[in-house]
Structures are given as C-alpha cells and as structure tokens.
Amino acid sequence: MNKKVFGWALLLAMFAGMGLFAQKKKSTKNTDLAKTEVNADVIQWISVEELEQKMKKEPRKVIFDFYTDWCGWCKVMDKKTFSNKELARYVNKHYYAVKFNAESKTPLTFMGKTYEYVPEYKSHRFAAELMSGRMSYPTTVIAGKNMAYVNPIPGFQRLDQMETLLKYFVSVEEPSQASWETHMREFKASWTPEPGTQ
C-alpha cells in the first residue's frame, strides 16, 4: 500500500513539476516578447532602405532628420525636441522617421536611384537632394506619401515649432502657402516639454 501511495505521490509531483516548468517557460516567453515590444515613447528611427520597404507596404508621410556628427544644434534638437514622448508617439503613429548623417560615406539606393558621398560638397548626395542643396544642420525634411513632395526646414526646431509642422503636414495632402497661413493662425501647440529639457 505504501509503495502504491508513494508511486501516486511521485507521479503527482512529476505532473505538478511539469506544470510549474510549463508555467515558468510560458512566463519566460512573455518576458522575451515584452523585450521585443516597441517603446512608443521613443521615435522609431529607421534606415533609408527600411523606409523604401515600409512605403511599399503602407504609404505614410516621412520625417527626415539630417544631421552631422559635429553639429551641436543637432544634439540639442535630439535632447530637447526629438526626445519628447508626445512628439514620439505622434511621429510613430503618422510618419516614418529617418535619421541620416548628411556626411555619411556609405552609398545607398532609394527608389531605383543610387546616391553616394560627394567629396567636393562634403556631403552625401541623398542629403543634398532632399535638402535642395542648402547644406545647413540640423535640417528637417517632411516628405509626402511615396515622396510626392519634399519640404526642407533648416535649423533647430523647438518642440512647439515641431508640433506645428508635424500636425500641419498630417492635415494636408498637398502643402500650400494658403493652407499653411490658415494653420499658423488657428494652431495652438499643446505638447509639454519633458522635465529638464527647457
């Protein structure tokens, strides 16, 4: 009788152990899944190559941040403007975001055209084309779906200025002077700067 009870107890313990193992394994999977989840409070910057793939699946407007390694105002804009959680959530929802070093020496192909670094201009041809040849940093470029239009906006943009721009370009299919003037008259910025970034 004792051997039979011991056998059942051992069998129950094994099943219970397997249940705990399965439970533990399941929770580990959930933890791994959580690690791969995207943080919506941070802009999800992608490469130019990724942009082309994403545009084929789901056309969206694009925000490009053209910077250089030596540009102090680019770093300030990263810290004070692009780090804002409200801005990041808005960008992630409505735009594809591409951060591009305008002095990169790596060739790239985008929409069937190859772009390379141009030594005499000390910049990448991709940056020069999208910035309309006005090489100042930082420069934000907002492009329409499938690159239907390209609007370079040179200089440091404060949070309120960037909110105005991002919401304007989302609200129109094709930008115009008249729609921009109306937007500027009626728009009230609402995003709050992150603590310590003012």
C-alpha atoms as a PDB file:
ATOM      1  CA  MET A   1       0.000   0.000   0.000  1.00  0.00           C
ATOM      2  CA  ASN A   2       2.783   2.414   0.926  1.00  0.00           C
ATOM      3  CA  LYS A   3       4.547   1.700  -2.371  1.00  0.00           C
ATOM      4  CA  LYS A   4       1.326   2.435  -4.253  1.00  0.00           C
ATOM      5  CA  VAL A   5       0.807   5.748  -2.378  1.00  0.00           C
ATOM      6  CA  PHE A   6       4.450   6.665  -2.949  1.00  0.00           C
ATOM      7  CA  GLY A   7       4.072   5.893  -6.671  1.00  0.00           C
ATOM      8  CA  TRP A   8       0.977   8.090  -6.966  1.00  0.00           C
ATOM      9  CA  ALA A   9       2.649  10.860  -4.973  1.00  0.00           C
ATOM     10  CA  LEU A  10       5.709  10.680  -7.224  1.00  0.00           C
ATOM     11  CA  LEU A  11       3.504  10.760 -10.324  1.00  0.00           C
ATOM     12  CA  LEU A  12       1.563  13.769  -8.977  1.00  0.00           C
ATOM     13  CA  ALA A  13       4.804  15.544  -8.085  1.00  0.00           C
ATOM     14  CA  MET A  14       6.110  14.952 -11.617  1.00  0.00           C
ATOM     15  CA  PHE A  15       2.936  16.367 -13.176  1.00  0.00           C
ATOM     16  CA  ALA A  16       2.994  19.324 -10.807  1.00  0.00           C
ATOM     17  CA  GLY A  17       6.656  19.908 -11.645  1.00  0.00           C
ATOM     18  CA  MET A  18       5.889  19.741 -15.353  1.00  0.00           C
ATOM     19  CA  GLY A  19       3.066  22.246 -14.810  1.00  0.00           C
ATOM     20  CA  LEU A  20       5.450  24.592 -12.995  1.00  0.00           C
ATOM     21  CA  PHE A  21       8.041  24.106 -15.733  1.00  0.00           C
ATOM     22  CA  ALA A  22       5.455  24.872 -18.411  1.00  0.00           C
ATOM     23  CA  GLN A  23       4.274  27.902 -16.408  1.00  0.00           C
ATOM     24  CA  LYS A  24       7.834  29.135 -15.993  1.00  0.00           C
ATOM     25  CA  LYS A  25       8.596  28.554 -19.666  1.00  0.00           C
ATOM     26  CA  LYS A  26       5.414  30.412 -20.637  1.00  0.00           C
ATOM     27  CA  SER A  27       6.286  33.413 -18.448  1.00  0.00           C
ATOM     28  CA  THR A  28       9.804  33.464 -19.912  1.00  0.00           C
ATOM     29  CA  LYS A  29       8.274  33.627 -23.384  1.00  0.00           C
ATOM     30  CA  ASN A  30       6.109  36.571 -22.280  1.00  0.00           C
ATOM     31  CA  THR A  31       9.189  38.304 -20.883  1.00  0.00           C
ATOM     32  CA  ASP A  32      11.060  37.771 -24.159  1.00  0.00           C
ATOM     33  CA  LEU A  33       8.044  39.097 -26.056  1.00  0.00           C
ATOM     34  CA  ALA A  34       7.949  42.183 -23.833  1.00  0.00           C
ATOM     35  CA  LYS A  35      11.621  42.823 -24.604  1.00  0.00           C
ATOM     36  CA  THR A  36      10.904  42.957 -28.334  1.00  0.00           C
ATOM     37  CA  GLU A  37       7.902  45.274 -27.977  1.00  0.00           C
ATOM     38  CA  VAL A  38       8.456  48.756 -29.364  1.00  0.00           C
ATOM     39  CA  ASN A  39       8.664  51.676 -26.952  1.00  0.00           C
ATOM     40  CA  ALA A  40       6.068  54.101 -28.316  1.00  0.00           C
ATOM     41  CA  ASP A  41       7.550  56.941 -26.225  1.00  0.00           C
ATOM     42  CA  VAL A  42      10.711  56.955 -28.377  1.00  0.00           C
ATOM     43  CA  ILE A  43      10.840  57.813 -32.079  1.00  0.00           C
ATOM     44  CA  GLN A  44      11.311  54.617 -34.086  1.00  0.00           C
ATOM     45  CA  TRP A  45      14.067  55.803 -36.439  1.00  0.00           C
ATOM     46  CA  ILE A  46      14.589  53.600 -39.485  1.00  0.00           C
ATOM     47  CA  SER A  47      17.148  53.477 -42.295  1.00  0.00           C
ATOM     48  CA  VAL A  48      16.525  54.703 -45.838  1.00  0.00           C
ATOM     49  CA  GLU A  49      16.485  51.080 -47.026  1.00  0.00           C
ATOM     50  CA  GLU A  50      13.853  50.156 -44.421  1.00  0.00           C
ATOM     51  CA  LEU A  51      11.851  53.212 -45.455  1.00  0.00           C
ATOM     52  CA  GLU A  52      11.520  52.004 -49.034  1.00  0.00           C
ATOM     53  CA  GLN A  53      10.282  48.590 -47.860  1.00  0.00           C
ATOM     54  CA  LYS A  54       7.775  50.109 -45.433  1.00  0.00           C
ATOM     55  CA  MET A  55       6.462  52.594 -48.011  1.00  0.00           C
ATOM     56  CA  LYS A  56       5.619  49.695 -50.330  1.00  0.00           C
ATOM     57  CA  LYS A  57       3.506  48.034 -47.630  1.00  0.00           C
ATOM     58  CA  GLU A  58       1.900  51.137 -46.111  1.00  0.00           C
ATOM     59  CA  PRO A  59       2.450  54.595 -47.627  1.00  0.00           C
ATOM     60  CA  ARG A  60       2.962  57.317 -44.995  1.00  0.00           C
ATOM     61  CA  LYS A  61       4.476  60.745 -44.812  1.00  0.00           C
ATOM     62  CA  VAL A  62       8.133  60.834 -43.810  1.00  0.00           C
ATOM     63  CA  ILE A  63      10.182  62.989 -41.480  1.00  0.00           C
ATOM     64  CA  PHE A  64      13.929  63.059 -42.168  1.00  0.00           C
ATOM     65  CA  ASP A  65      16.389  64.411 -39.621  1.00  0.00           C
ATOM     66  CA  PHE A  66      19.595  65.391 -41.438  1.00  0.00           C
ATOM     67  CA  TYR A  67      22.488  65.849 -39.022  1.00  0.00           C
ATOM     68  CA  THR A  68      26.283  65.659 -38.800  1.00  0.00           C
ATOM     69  CA  ASP A  69      28.491  64.301 -36.011  1.00  0.00           C
ATOM     70  CA  TRP A  70      29.978  67.760 -35.327  1.00  0.00           C
ATOM     71  CA  CYS A  71      26.658  69.652 -35.265  1.00  0.00           C
ATOM     72  CA  GLY A  72      25.938  70.966 -31.758  1.00  0.00           C
ATOM     73  CA  TRP A  73      22.389  72.106 -32.555  1.00  0.00           C
ATOM     74  CA  CYS A  74      21.608  68.613 -33.891  1.00  0.00           C
ATOM     75  CA  LYS A  75      22.453  67.190 -30.458  1.00  0.00           C
ATOM     76  CA  VAL A  76      20.347  69.876 -28.747  1.00  0.00           C
ATOM     77  CA  MET A  77      17.415  69.034 -31.018  1.00  0.00           C
ATOM     78  CA  ASP A  78      17.772  65.333 -30.163  1.00  0.00           C
ATOM     79  CA  LYS A  79      17.745  66.168 -26.460  1.00  0.00           C
ATOM     80  CA  LYS A  80      15.092  68.895 -26.341  1.00  0.00           C
ATOM     81  CA  THR A  81      12.758  68.139 -29.250  1.00  0.00           C
ATOM     82  CA  PHE A  82      13.002  64.574 -30.541  1.00  0.00           C
ATOM     83  CA  SER A  83      13.154  63.110 -27.008  1.00  0.00           C
ATOM     84  CA  ASN A  84       9.636  64.377 -26.193  1.00  0.00           C
ATOM     85  CA  LYS A  85       7.223  61.474 -25.569  1.00  0.00           C
ATOM     86  CA  GLU A  86       4.159  63.197 -27.068  1.00  0.00           C
ATOM     87  CA  LEU A  87       6.127  64.046 -30.206  1.00  0.00           C
ATOM     88  CA  ALA A  88       7.494  60.488 -30.425  1.00  0.00           C
ATOM     89  CA  ARG A  89       4.038  58.922 -30.138  1.00  0.00           C
ATOM     90  CA  TYR A  90       2.702  61.288 -32.818  1.00  0.00           C
ATOM     91  CA  VAL A  91       5.591  60.638 -35.201  1.00  0.00           C
ATOM     92  CA  ASN A  92       5.364  56.865 -34.705  1.00  0.00           C
ATOM     93  CA  LYS A  93       1.640  56.933 -35.477  1.00  0.00           C
ATOM     94  CA  HIS A  94       1.617  59.229 -38.523  1.00  0.00           C
ATOM     95  CA  TYR A  95       5.106  59.195 -40.073  1.00  0.00           C
ATOM     96  CA  TYR A  96       8.111  57.095 -40.910  1.00  0.00           C
ATOM     97  CA  ALA A  97      11.154  58.679 -39.282  1.00  0.00           C
ATOM     98  CA  VAL A  98      14.634  58.563 -40.823  1.00  0.00           C
ATOM     99  CA  LYS A  99      17.733  59.953 -39.117  1.00  0.00           C
ATOM    100  CA  PHE A 100      20.506  60.421 -41.671  1.00  0.00           C
ATOM    101  CA  ASN A 101      24.101  61.580 -41.254  1.00  0.00           C
ATOM    102  CA  ALA A 102      24.493  64.019 -44.154  1.00  0.00           C
ATOM    103  CA  GLU A 103      28.243  63.302 -44.257  1.00  0.00           C
ATOM    104  CA  SER A 104      27.839  59.515 -44.473  1.00  0.00           C
ATOM    105  CA  LYS A 105      30.203  57.903 -46.969  1.00  0.00           C
ATOM    106  CA  THR A 106      28.054  54.788 -47.422  1.00  0.00           C
ATOM    107  CA  PRO A 107      26.365  54.523 -50.839  1.00  0.00           C
ATOM    108  CA  LEU A 108      22.656  53.753 -50.864  1.00  0.00           C
ATOM    109  CA  THR A 109      19.928  53.018 -53.361  1.00  0.00           C
ATOM    110  CA  PHE A 110      16.494  54.531 -52.869  1.00  0.00           C
ATOM    111  CA  MET A 111      13.551  54.309 -55.251  1.00  0.00           C
ATOM    112  CA  GLY A 112      15.762  53.000 -58.049  1.00  0.00           C
ATOM    113  CA  LYS A 113      18.449  55.679 -57.765  1.00  0.00           C
ATOM    114  CA  THR A 114      21.930  55.237 -56.258  1.00  0.00           C
ATOM    115  CA  TYR A 115      23.332  58.001 -54.046  1.00  0.00           C
ATOM    116  CA  GLU A 116      26.949  58.405 -52.912  1.00  0.00           C
ATOM    117  CA  TYR A 117      29.124  60.748 -50.912  1.00  0.00           C
ATOM    118  CA  VAL A 118      30.310  63.756 -52.939  1.00  0.00           C
ATOM    119  CA  PRO A 119      33.751  64.894 -51.650  1.00  0.00           C
ATOM    120  CA  GLU A 120      33.640  68.385 -53.224  1.00  0.00           C
ATOM    121  CA  TYR A 121      30.388  69.110 -51.322  1.00  0.00           C
ATOM    122  CA  LYS A 122      31.485  67.238 -48.193  1.00  0.00           C
ATOM    123  CA  SER A 123      28.056  65.627 -48.062  1.00  0.00           C
ATOM    124  CA  HIS A 124      26.044  62.684 -49.245  1.00  0.00           C
ATOM    125  CA  ARG A 125      24.101  63.267 -52.478  1.00  0.00           C
ATOM    126  CA  PHE A 126      20.923  61.879 -50.850  1.00  0.00           C
ATOM    127  CA  ALA A 127      21.048  64.624 -48.209  1.00  0.00           C
ATOM    128  CA  ALA A 128      21.924  67.307 -50.768  1.00  0.00           C
ATOM    129  CA  GLU A 129      18.954  66.400 -52.978  1.00  0.00           C
ATOM    130  CA  LEU A 130      16.399  66.264 -50.180  1.00  0.00           C
ATOM    131  CA  MET A 131      17.767  69.463 -48.626  1.00  0.00           C
ATOM    132  CA  SER A 132      17.621  71.242 -52.029  1.00  0.00           C
ATOM    133  CA  GLY A 133      21.374  71.854 -51.883  1.00  0.00           C
ATOM    134  CA  ARG A 134      21.129  74.070 -48.757  1.00  0.00           C
ATOM    135  CA  MET A 135      23.539  72.211 -46.504  1.00  0.00           C
ATOM    136  CA  SER A 136      22.834  73.521 -43.006  1.00  0.00           C
ATOM    137  CA  TYR A 137      22.350  71.380 -39.923  1.00  0.00           C
ATOM    138  CA  PRO A 138      20.102  70.308 -38.487  1.00  0.00           C
ATOM    139  CA  THR A 139      17.585  70.236 -41.329  1.00  0.00           C
ATOM    140  CA  THR A 140      14.212  68.555 -41.007  1.00  0.00           C
ATOM    141  CA  VAL A 141      12.666  67.370 -44.245  1.00  0.00           C
ATOM    142  CA  ILE A 142       8.998  66.424 -44.403  1.00  0.00           C
ATOM    143  CA  ALA A 143       8.011  64.365 -47.413  1.00  0.00           C
ATOM    144  CA  GLY A 144       4.605  63.346 -48.703  1.00  0.00           C
ATOM    145  CA  LYS A 145       3.436  59.759 -49.105  1.00  0.00           C
ATOM    146  CA  ASN A 146       5.699  57.957 -51.584  1.00  0.00           C
ATOM    147  CA  MET A 147       7.844  61.127 -51.672  1.00  0.00           C
ATOM    148  CA  ALA A 148       5.098  63.056 -53.526  1.00  0.00           C
ATOM    149  CA  TYR A 149       6.646  66.302 -52.262  1.00  0.00           C
ATOM    150  CA  VAL A 150       9.705  67.253 -50.205  1.00  0.00           C
ATOM    151  CA  ASN A 151       9.844  70.236 -47.817  1.00  0.00           C
ATOM    152  CA  PRO A 152      13.221  71.047 -46.212  1.00  0.00           C
ATOM    153  CA  ILE A 153      13.020  73.080 -42.985  1.00  0.00           C
ATOM    154  CA  PRO A 154      16.516  74.229 -41.942  1.00  0.00           C
ATOM    155  CA  GLY A 155      17.613  74.965 -38.403  1.00  0.00           C
ATOM    156  CA  PHE A 156      16.882  73.955 -34.840  1.00  0.00           C
ATOM    157  CA  GLN A 157      13.164  73.413 -34.196  1.00  0.00           C
ATOM    158  CA  ARG A 158      11.773  73.833 -30.690  1.00  0.00           C
ATOM    159  CA  LEU A 159       9.098  71.402 -29.514  1.00  0.00           C
ATOM    160  CA  ASP A 160       6.244  73.835 -30.246  1.00  0.00           C
ATOM    161  CA  GLN A 161       7.617  74.565 -33.718  1.00  0.00           C
ATOM    162  CA  MET A 162       7.960  70.870 -34.497  1.00  0.00           C
ATOM    163  CA  GLU A 163       4.436  70.176 -33.245  1.00  0.00           C
ATOM    164  CA  THR A 164       3.126  72.904 -35.567  1.00  0.00           C
ATOM    165  CA  LEU A 165       4.969  71.413 -38.551  1.00  0.00           C
ATOM    166  CA  LEU A 166       4.096  67.775 -37.899  1.00  0.00           C
ATOM    167  CA  LYS A 167       0.400  68.450 -37.361  1.00  0.00           C
ATOM    168  CA  TYR A 168       0.204  70.723 -40.404  1.00  0.00           C
ATOM    169  CA  PHE A 169       1.691  68.161 -42.792  1.00  0.00           C
ATOM    170  CA  VAL A 170      -0.585  65.419 -41.440  1.00  0.00           C
ATOM    171  CA  SER A 171      -3.624  67.646 -42.007  1.00  0.00           C
ATOM    172  CA  VAL A 172      -2.994  68.340 -45.741  1.00  0.00           C
ATOM    173  CA  GLU A 173      -2.491  66.158 -48.787  1.00  0.00           C
ATOM    174  CA  GLU A 174      -0.559  68.828 -50.646  1.00  0.00           C
ATOM    175  CA  PRO A 175       1.003  71.756 -48.734  1.00  0.00           C
ATOM    176  CA  SER A 176       0.300  75.306 -49.917  1.00  0.00           C
ATOM    177  CA  GLN A 177       1.027  78.815 -48.730  1.00  0.00           C
ATOM    178  CA  ALA A 178      -2.682  79.473 -48.076  1.00  0.00           C
ATOM    179  CA  SER A 179      -3.235  76.308 -46.013  1.00  0.00           C
ATOM    180  CA  TRP A 180      -0.026  76.978 -44.050  1.00  0.00           C
ATOM    181  CA  GLU A 181      -1.107  80.546 -43.221  1.00  0.00           C
ATOM    182  CA  THR A 182      -4.525  79.313 -42.046  1.00  0.00           C
ATOM    183  CA  HIS A 183      -2.871  76.602 -39.952  1.00  0.00           C
ATOM    184  CA  MET A 184      -0.494  79.108 -38.340  1.00  0.00           C
ATOM    185  CA  ARG A 185      -3.372  81.482 -37.472  1.00  0.00           C
ATOM    186  CA  GLU A 186      -5.514  78.784 -35.875  1.00  0.00           C
ATOM    187  CA  PHE A 187      -2.979  76.357 -34.395  1.00  0.00           C
ATOM    188  CA  LYS A 188      -2.282  76.178 -30.649  1.00  0.00           C
ATOM    189  CA  ALA A 189       0.641  73.990 -29.568  1.00  0.00           C
ATOM    190  CA  SER A 190      -0.196  71.610 -26.718  1.00  0.00           C
ATOM    191  CA  TRP A 191       2.788  69.310 -26.179  1.00  0.00           C
ATOM    192  CA  THR A 192       4.580  69.797 -22.878  1.00  0.00           C
ATOM    193  CA  PRO A 193       8.399  69.790 -22.745  1.00  0.00           C
ATOM    194  CA  GLU A 194       9.955  66.910 -20.804  1.00  0.00           C
ATOM    195  CA  PRO A 195      11.383  67.904 -17.406  1.00  0.00           C
ATOM    196  CA  GLY A 196      14.928  69.211 -17.722  1.00  0.00           C
ATOM    197  CA  THR A 197      14.744  69.867 -21.483  1.00  0.00           C
ATOM    198  CA  GLN A 198      13.588  73.508 -21.474  1.00  0.00           C
END
